[in-house]
């Protein structure tokens, strides 16, 4: 299993994409802190499945593992 791409979204708006997990995580944390709203990172795997993590402005993380 390998991740192909990560998307960073807030309130249904695409903020960016990256093939690098840590880059997407850092961007999500930064956006969440600066806007005061949660940011979602979705990882797209080579087996067709997706995994999501929500980064909250207070530093909490919510994991929503298997989407599809």
C-alpha atoms as a PDB file:
ATOM      1  CA  UNK A   1       0.000   0.000   0.000  1.00  0.00           C
ATOM      2  CA  UNK A   2       1.329   3.388  -1.020  1.00  0.00           C
ATOM      3  CA  UNK A   3      -0.154   6.874  -0.902  1.00  0.00           C
ATOM      4  CA  UNK A   4      -0.288   8.595  -4.264  1.00  0.00           C
ATOM      5  CA  UNK A   5      -1.585  12.023  -3.284  1.00  0.00           C
ATOM      6  CA  UNK A   6      -2.861  14.073  -0.359  1.00  0.00           C
ATOM      7  CA  UNK A   7      -5.453  16.837  -0.530  1.00  0.00           C
ATOM      8  CA  UNK A   8      -5.892  19.619   2.012  1.00  0.00           C
ATOM      9  CA  UNK A   9      -9.445  21.018   2.299  1.00  0.00           C
ATOM     10  CA  UNK A  10     -11.346  23.413   4.539  1.00  0.00           C
ATOM     11  CA  UNK A  11     -15.118  23.940   4.428  1.00  0.00           C
ATOM     12  CA  UNK A  12     -15.325  22.050   1.130  1.00  0.00           C
ATOM     13  CA  UNK A  13     -12.687  24.261  -0.502  1.00  0.00           C
ATOM     14  CA  UNK A  14      -9.522  22.687  -1.872  1.00  0.00           C
ATOM     15  CA  UNK A  15      -6.516  24.459  -0.363  1.00  0.00           C
ATOM     16  CA  UNK A  16      -3.858  22.336  -2.042  1.00  0.00           C
ATOM     17  CA  UNK A  17      -2.477  18.932  -2.952  1.00  0.00           C
ATOM     18  CA  UNK A  18       0.842  17.213  -2.384  1.00  0.00           C
ATOM     19  CA  UNK A  19       2.436  13.830  -3.001  1.00  0.00           C
ATOM     20  CA  UNK A  20       4.295  14.323   0.320  1.00  0.00           C
ATOM     21  CA  UNK A  21       2.399  13.406   3.505  1.00  0.00           C
ATOM     22  CA  UNK A  22       4.315  15.652   5.897  1.00  0.00           C
ATOM     23  CA  UNK A  23       3.891  18.647   3.604  1.00  0.00           C
ATOM     24  CA  UNK A  24       0.103  18.149   3.591  1.00  0.00           C
ATOM     25  CA  UNK A  25       0.033  17.709   7.389  1.00  0.00           C
ATOM     26  CA  UNK A  26       2.097  20.846   8.003  1.00  0.00           C
ATOM     27  CA  UNK A  27      -0.131  22.863   5.652  1.00  0.00           C
ATOM     28  CA  UNK A  28      -3.292  21.587   7.368  1.00  0.00           C
ATOM     29  CA  UNK A  29      -2.002  22.443  10.833  1.00  0.00           C
ATOM     30  CA  UNK A  30      -0.994  25.914   9.656  1.00  0.00           C
ATOM     31  CA  UNK A  31      -4.345  26.647   8.008  1.00  0.00           C
ATOM     32  CA  UNK A  32      -6.280  25.327  11.023  1.00  0.00           C
ATOM     33  CA  UNK A  33      -4.285  27.507  13.407  1.00  0.00           C
ATOM     34  CA  UNK A  34      -4.470  30.658  11.286  1.00  0.00           C
ATOM     35  CA  UNK A  35      -8.182  30.410  10.403  1.00  0.00           C
ATOM     36  CA  UNK A  36      -9.511  28.877  13.621  1.00  0.00           C
ATOM     37  CA  UNK A  37     -11.401  26.239  11.606  1.00  0.00           C
ATOM     38  CA  UNK A  38     -10.763  22.482  11.114  1.00  0.00           C
ATOM     39  CA  UNK A  39      -8.837  21.318   8.040  1.00  0.00           C
ATOM     40  CA  UNK A  40      -9.121  17.882   6.437  1.00  0.00           C
ATOM     41  CA  UNK A  41      -6.283  15.921   4.842  1.00  0.00           C
ATOM     42  CA  UNK A  42      -7.339  13.037   2.605  1.00  0.00           C
ATOM     43  CA  UNK A  43      -4.794  10.443   1.496  1.00  0.00           C
ATOM     44  CA  UNK A  44      -5.455   8.532  -1.721  1.00  0.00           C
ATOM     45  CA  UNK A  45      -3.904   5.062  -1.809  1.00  0.00           C
ATOM     46  CA  UNK A  46      -2.829   2.926  -4.741  1.00  0.00           C
ATOM     47  CA  UNK A  47      -5.414   0.281  -3.766  1.00  0.00           C
ATOM     48  CA  UNK A  48      -8.216   2.798  -4.385  1.00  0.00           C
ATOM     49  CA  UNK A  49      -8.966   3.431  -0.700  1.00  0.00           C
ATOM     50  CA  UNK A  50      -8.909   6.791   1.034  1.00  0.00           C
ATOM     51  CA  UNK A  51      -8.049   7.794   4.567  1.00  0.00           C
ATOM     52  CA  UNK A  52      -8.877  11.107   6.214  1.00  0.00           C
ATOM     53  CA  UNK A  53      -7.555  13.061   9.156  1.00  0.00           C
ATOM     54  CA  UNK A  54      -9.108  16.273  10.507  1.00  0.00           C
ATOM     55  CA  UNK A  55      -6.764  18.811  12.107  1.00  0.00           C
ATOM     56  CA  UNK A  56      -8.470  21.137  14.576  1.00  0.00           C
ATOM     57  CA  UNK A  57      -7.206  24.616  15.514  1.00  0.00           C
ATOM     58  CA  UNK A  58      -6.711  23.553  19.152  1.00  0.00           C
ATOM     59  CA  UNK A  59      -4.323  20.784  18.055  1.00  0.00           C
ATOM     60  CA  UNK A  60      -6.759  17.867  18.338  1.00  0.00           C
ATOM     61  CA  UNK A  61      -6.690  15.292  15.559  1.00  0.00           C
ATOM     62  CA  UNK A  62      -9.682  13.231  14.434  1.00  0.00           C
ATOM     63  CA  UNK A  63      -8.944  10.158  12.353  1.00  0.00           C
ATOM     64  CA  UNK A  64     -11.508   8.869   9.887  1.00  0.00           C
ATOM     65  CA  UNK A  65      -9.649   5.870   8.519  1.00  0.00           C
ATOM     66  CA  UNK A  66     -11.449   3.958   5.811  1.00  0.00           C
ATOM     67  CA  UNK A  67     -13.640   6.064   3.557  1.00  0.00           C
ATOM     68  CA  UNK A  68     -13.924   3.780   0.531  1.00  0.00           C
END
